[in-house]
N, C-alpha and C. Protein backbone atom coordinates (compact mmCIF):
# COMPACT_ATOMS: atom_id res chain seq x y z
N MET A 1 -118.03 -3.03 169.67
CA MET A 1 -118.04 -3.80 168.45
C MET A 1 -116.92 -3.30 167.54
N ILE A 2 -116.26 -4.20 166.89
CA ILE A 2 -115.16 -3.84 165.99
C ILE A 2 -115.71 -3.60 164.60
N ASP A 3 -115.38 -2.42 164.05
CA ASP A 3 -115.78 -2.09 162.69
C ASP A 3 -114.62 -2.43 161.77
N LEU A 4 -114.78 -3.49 160.98
CA LEU A 4 -113.69 -3.94 160.12
C LEU A 4 -113.33 -2.91 159.05
N LYS A 5 -114.26 -2.04 158.68
CA LYS A 5 -113.98 -1.01 157.69
C LYS A 5 -112.93 -0.03 158.21
N GLU A 6 -112.90 0.17 159.53
CA GLU A 6 -111.93 1.08 160.12
C GLU A 6 -110.50 0.59 159.94
N LEU A 7 -110.31 -0.72 159.78
CA LEU A 7 -108.96 -1.24 159.57
C LEU A 7 -108.32 -0.66 158.32
N ASP A 8 -109.11 -0.45 157.29
CA ASP A 8 -108.58 0.07 156.04
C ASP A 8 -108.18 1.54 156.16
N ASN A 9 -108.76 2.25 157.11
CA ASN A 9 -108.46 3.67 157.29
C ASN A 9 -107.42 3.92 158.37
N ASP A 10 -106.98 2.90 159.05
CA ASP A 10 -106.04 3.04 160.15
C ASP A 10 -104.61 3.12 159.61
N PRO A 11 -103.94 4.28 159.77
CA PRO A 11 -102.59 4.41 159.23
C PRO A 11 -101.58 3.50 159.92
N TRP A 12 -101.90 3.02 161.11
CA TRP A 12 -100.98 2.14 161.84
C TRP A 12 -101.10 0.70 161.39
N SER A 13 -102.18 0.36 160.71
CA SER A 13 -102.37 -1.01 160.22
C SER A 13 -101.89 -1.10 158.78
N THR A 14 -100.58 -1.13 158.60
CA THR A 14 -100.02 -1.10 157.26
C THR A 14 -99.69 -2.48 156.72
N PHE A 15 -99.77 -3.50 157.55
CA PHE A 15 -99.43 -4.84 157.10
C PHE A 15 -100.69 -5.59 156.75
N PRO A 16 -100.92 -5.88 155.45
CA PRO A 16 -102.16 -6.56 155.04
C PRO A 16 -102.39 -7.87 155.76
N THR A 17 -101.33 -8.62 156.06
CA THR A 17 -101.55 -9.90 156.73
C THR A 17 -102.11 -9.69 158.13
N LYS A 18 -101.69 -8.65 158.80
CA LYS A 18 -102.24 -8.38 160.14
C LYS A 18 -103.72 -8.00 160.05
N LYS A 19 -104.10 -7.23 159.04
CA LYS A 19 -105.51 -6.89 158.85
C LYS A 19 -106.32 -8.15 158.57
N ASP A 20 -105.78 -9.01 157.72
CA ASP A 20 -106.48 -10.25 157.39
C ASP A 20 -106.61 -11.15 158.62
N ASP A 21 -105.55 -11.21 159.43
CA ASP A 21 -105.60 -12.01 160.65
C ASP A 21 -106.67 -11.47 161.59
N LEU A 22 -106.75 -10.15 161.73
CA LEU A 22 -107.74 -9.55 162.61
C LEU A 22 -109.15 -9.78 162.08
N ARG A 23 -109.33 -9.67 160.77
CA ARG A 23 -110.65 -9.95 160.18
C ARG A 23 -111.08 -11.38 160.48
N ALA A 24 -110.16 -12.34 160.34
CA ALA A 24 -110.46 -13.75 160.60
C ALA A 24 -110.80 -13.96 162.07
N LEU A 25 -110.05 -13.31 162.96
CA LEU A 25 -110.32 -13.44 164.39
C LEU A 25 -111.69 -12.88 164.75
N VAL A 26 -112.01 -11.70 164.23
CA VAL A 26 -113.31 -11.09 164.51
C VAL A 26 -114.43 -11.98 163.97
N ALA A 27 -114.26 -12.51 162.78
CA ALA A 27 -115.29 -13.39 162.20
C ALA A 27 -115.47 -14.64 163.04
N ALA A 28 -114.39 -15.11 163.67
CA ALA A 28 -114.46 -16.34 164.46
C ALA A 28 -115.12 -16.13 165.81
N VAL A 29 -115.18 -14.90 166.31
CA VAL A 29 -115.72 -14.69 167.66
C VAL A 29 -116.96 -13.80 167.67
N THR A 30 -117.55 -13.55 166.53
CA THR A 30 -118.78 -12.77 166.48
C THR A 30 -119.89 -13.60 165.84
N TRP A 31 -121.12 -13.31 166.23
CA TRP A 31 -122.26 -14.00 165.64
C TRP A 31 -122.39 -13.60 164.18
N GLN A 32 -122.63 -14.59 163.35
CA GLN A 32 -122.80 -14.38 161.92
C GLN A 32 -124.16 -14.93 161.50
N PRO A 33 -124.77 -14.39 160.44
CA PRO A 33 -126.06 -14.92 159.99
C PRO A 33 -125.95 -16.41 159.66
N ILE A 34 -126.96 -17.17 160.01
CA ILE A 34 -126.94 -18.62 159.83
C ILE A 34 -126.76 -19.00 158.36
N GLU A 35 -127.15 -18.13 157.46
CA GLU A 35 -127.00 -18.42 156.03
C GLU A 35 -125.54 -18.54 155.62
N THR A 36 -124.63 -17.99 156.43
CA THR A 36 -123.20 -18.05 156.12
C THR A 36 -122.50 -19.24 156.76
N ALA A 37 -123.22 -20.03 157.54
CA ALA A 37 -122.61 -21.16 158.24
C ALA A 37 -122.23 -22.26 157.25
N PRO A 38 -121.10 -22.93 157.50
CA PRO A 38 -120.69 -24.02 156.61
C PRO A 38 -121.60 -25.23 156.78
N LYS A 39 -122.14 -25.70 155.69
CA LYS A 39 -123.03 -26.86 155.74
C LYS A 39 -122.20 -28.12 155.54
N THR A 40 -121.44 -28.42 156.60
CA THR A 40 -120.56 -29.59 156.62
C THR A 40 -120.89 -30.41 157.86
N LYS A 41 -120.08 -31.42 158.13
CA LYS A 41 -120.31 -32.24 159.33
C LYS A 41 -119.65 -31.64 160.57
N LYS A 42 -119.09 -30.45 160.44
CA LYS A 42 -118.45 -29.79 161.57
C LYS A 42 -119.50 -29.12 162.45
N ARG A 43 -119.42 -29.35 163.75
CA ARG A 43 -120.39 -28.76 164.68
C ARG A 43 -120.11 -27.28 164.87
N ILE A 44 -121.18 -26.52 165.06
CA ILE A 44 -121.08 -25.08 165.29
C ILE A 44 -121.97 -24.71 166.47
N LEU A 45 -121.76 -23.52 167.01
CA LEU A 45 -122.64 -22.98 168.04
C LEU A 45 -123.68 -22.12 167.35
N ALA A 46 -124.95 -22.42 167.56
CA ALA A 46 -126.03 -21.68 166.91
C ALA A 46 -126.93 -21.06 167.96
N ILE A 47 -127.60 -19.98 167.58
CA ILE A 47 -128.47 -19.27 168.52
C ILE A 47 -129.76 -18.83 167.83
N LYS A 48 -130.83 -18.85 168.61
CA LYS A 48 -132.11 -18.25 168.20
C LYS A 48 -132.68 -17.65 169.46
N GLY A 49 -132.87 -16.33 169.44
CA GLY A 49 -133.33 -15.66 170.66
C GLY A 49 -132.27 -15.79 171.74
N LYS A 50 -132.63 -16.35 172.88
CA LYS A 50 -131.68 -16.55 173.98
C LYS A 50 -131.24 -18.01 174.09
N THR A 51 -131.66 -18.85 173.15
CA THR A 51 -131.35 -20.27 173.21
C THR A 51 -130.17 -20.59 172.30
N MET A 52 -129.12 -21.19 172.88
CA MET A 52 -127.95 -21.62 172.12
C MET A 52 -127.86 -23.13 172.13
N LYS A 53 -127.45 -23.69 171.00
CA LYS A 53 -127.27 -25.13 170.88
C LYS A 53 -126.07 -25.42 170.00
N ILE A 54 -125.44 -26.57 170.24
CA ILE A 54 -124.40 -27.05 169.33
C ILE A 54 -125.11 -27.90 168.30
N VAL A 55 -124.92 -27.53 167.03
CA VAL A 55 -125.64 -28.20 165.96
C VAL A 55 -124.70 -28.60 164.83
N VAL A 56 -125.19 -29.44 163.96
CA VAL A 56 -124.47 -29.87 162.77
C VAL A 56 -125.47 -29.89 161.62
N TRP A 57 -125.01 -29.60 160.40
CA TRP A 57 -125.91 -29.60 159.25
C TRP A 57 -126.27 -31.03 158.89
N SER A 58 -127.55 -31.29 158.71
CA SER A 58 -128.04 -32.58 158.27
C SER A 58 -128.46 -32.46 156.82
N ALA A 59 -127.68 -33.08 155.92
CA ALA A 59 -128.02 -33.04 154.50
C ALA A 59 -129.31 -33.83 154.24
N ILE A 60 -129.56 -34.85 155.03
CA ILE A 60 -130.77 -35.66 154.86
C ILE A 60 -132.02 -34.86 155.23
N LEU A 61 -131.96 -34.18 156.38
CA LEU A 61 -133.11 -33.38 156.84
C LEU A 61 -133.13 -31.98 156.22
N GLU A 62 -131.98 -31.56 155.66
CA GLU A 62 -131.81 -30.22 155.13
C GLU A 62 -132.14 -29.15 156.16
N GLU A 63 -131.57 -29.34 157.36
CA GLU A 63 -131.74 -28.39 158.45
C GLU A 63 -130.62 -28.58 159.47
N TRP A 64 -130.50 -27.61 160.38
CA TRP A 64 -129.52 -27.73 161.46
C TRP A 64 -130.08 -28.68 162.50
N ASP A 65 -129.26 -29.62 162.93
CA ASP A 65 -129.71 -30.69 163.81
C ASP A 65 -128.81 -30.78 165.04
N ASN A 66 -129.40 -31.06 166.17
CA ASN A 66 -128.67 -31.30 167.41
C ASN A 66 -128.81 -32.78 167.72
N PRO A 67 -127.72 -33.55 167.54
CA PRO A 67 -127.81 -35.00 167.75
C PRO A 67 -128.31 -35.41 169.13
N GLN A 68 -128.16 -34.52 170.13
CA GLN A 68 -128.65 -34.85 171.47
C GLN A 68 -130.16 -34.72 171.57
N GLU A 69 -130.79 -34.17 170.55
CA GLU A 69 -132.23 -33.97 170.57
C GLU A 69 -132.92 -34.72 169.43
N TRP A 70 -132.33 -35.79 168.98
CA TRP A 70 -132.94 -36.56 167.89
C TRP A 70 -134.35 -36.97 168.29
N GLY A 71 -135.23 -36.93 167.34
CA GLY A 71 -136.62 -37.31 167.61
C GLY A 71 -137.52 -36.11 167.81
N GLU A 72 -136.94 -34.90 167.98
CA GLU A 72 -137.78 -33.71 168.10
C GLU A 72 -138.28 -33.31 166.72
N ASP A 73 -139.22 -32.41 166.69
CA ASP A 73 -139.89 -32.08 165.41
C ASP A 73 -139.10 -31.16 164.49
N GLY A 74 -137.96 -30.65 164.90
CA GLY A 74 -137.14 -29.82 164.03
C GLY A 74 -137.67 -28.42 163.81
N THR A 75 -138.46 -27.88 164.75
CA THR A 75 -139.00 -26.54 164.57
C THR A 75 -138.02 -25.45 165.03
N TRP A 76 -136.94 -25.80 165.69
CA TRP A 76 -135.96 -24.81 166.14
C TRP A 76 -135.07 -24.44 164.98
N LYS A 77 -135.20 -23.22 164.51
CA LYS A 77 -134.42 -22.73 163.37
C LYS A 77 -133.50 -21.62 163.86
N PRO A 78 -132.19 -21.86 163.93
CA PRO A 78 -131.28 -20.82 164.41
C PRO A 78 -131.20 -19.65 163.45
N THR A 79 -130.83 -18.49 164.01
CA THR A 79 -130.70 -17.28 163.19
C THR A 79 -129.24 -16.88 162.99
N HIS A 80 -128.35 -17.27 163.93
CA HIS A 80 -126.95 -16.88 163.86
C HIS A 80 -126.07 -18.04 164.31
N TRP A 81 -124.79 -17.94 164.02
CA TRP A 81 -123.85 -19.01 164.38
C TRP A 81 -122.45 -18.43 164.62
N MET A 82 -121.61 -19.25 165.25
CA MET A 82 -120.18 -18.98 165.35
C MET A 82 -119.46 -20.31 165.50
N PRO A 83 -118.18 -20.36 165.11
CA PRO A 83 -117.46 -21.63 165.25
C PRO A 83 -117.23 -21.96 166.72
N LEU A 84 -117.14 -23.23 167.01
CA LEU A 84 -116.79 -23.65 168.36
C LEU A 84 -115.29 -23.46 168.56
N PRO A 85 -114.87 -23.13 169.78
CA PRO A 85 -113.44 -23.01 170.03
C PRO A 85 -112.77 -24.39 170.03
N GLU A 86 -111.47 -24.39 169.85
CA GLU A 86 -110.71 -25.63 169.94
C GLU A 86 -110.72 -26.09 171.39
N PRO A 87 -110.69 -27.41 171.64
CA PRO A 87 -110.63 -27.88 173.03
C PRO A 87 -109.28 -27.51 173.65
N PRO A 88 -109.21 -27.47 174.98
CA PRO A 88 -107.95 -27.12 175.65
C PRO A 88 -106.85 -28.13 175.32
N LYS A 89 -105.64 -27.64 175.28
CA LYS A 89 -104.48 -28.50 175.04
C LYS A 89 -104.01 -29.06 176.38
N GLY A 90 -103.50 -30.27 176.34
CA GLY A 90 -102.94 -30.86 177.56
C GLY A 90 -104.01 -31.38 178.49
N GLU A 91 -103.62 -31.59 179.72
CA GLU A 91 -104.51 -32.16 180.73
C GLU A 91 -105.45 -31.09 181.27
N VAL A 92 -106.73 -31.41 181.32
CA VAL A 92 -107.74 -30.51 181.84
C VAL A 92 -108.22 -31.05 183.17
N LEU A 93 -108.25 -30.20 184.18
CA LEU A 93 -108.69 -30.62 185.51
C LEU A 93 -110.17 -30.50 185.66
């Protein structure tokens, strides 16, 4: 696990932009508490226990929703999230 606090103590990390870039990268690839997830129409990867789902915030339901599971009772409450990666560029086989 990467300790972001160590970046500030690393004498070799003297360029603030590089530290900021690394912080952004770590935040993008590590699980974060669901309370920090953006409540927008952008889909995210969410997890609860060992179950992962792609979800989007529903302002109407005021909960995380998986459009592929519409009609369910909404009892699945994720605990953590991370952004989805960008799709591959170019032709995918």
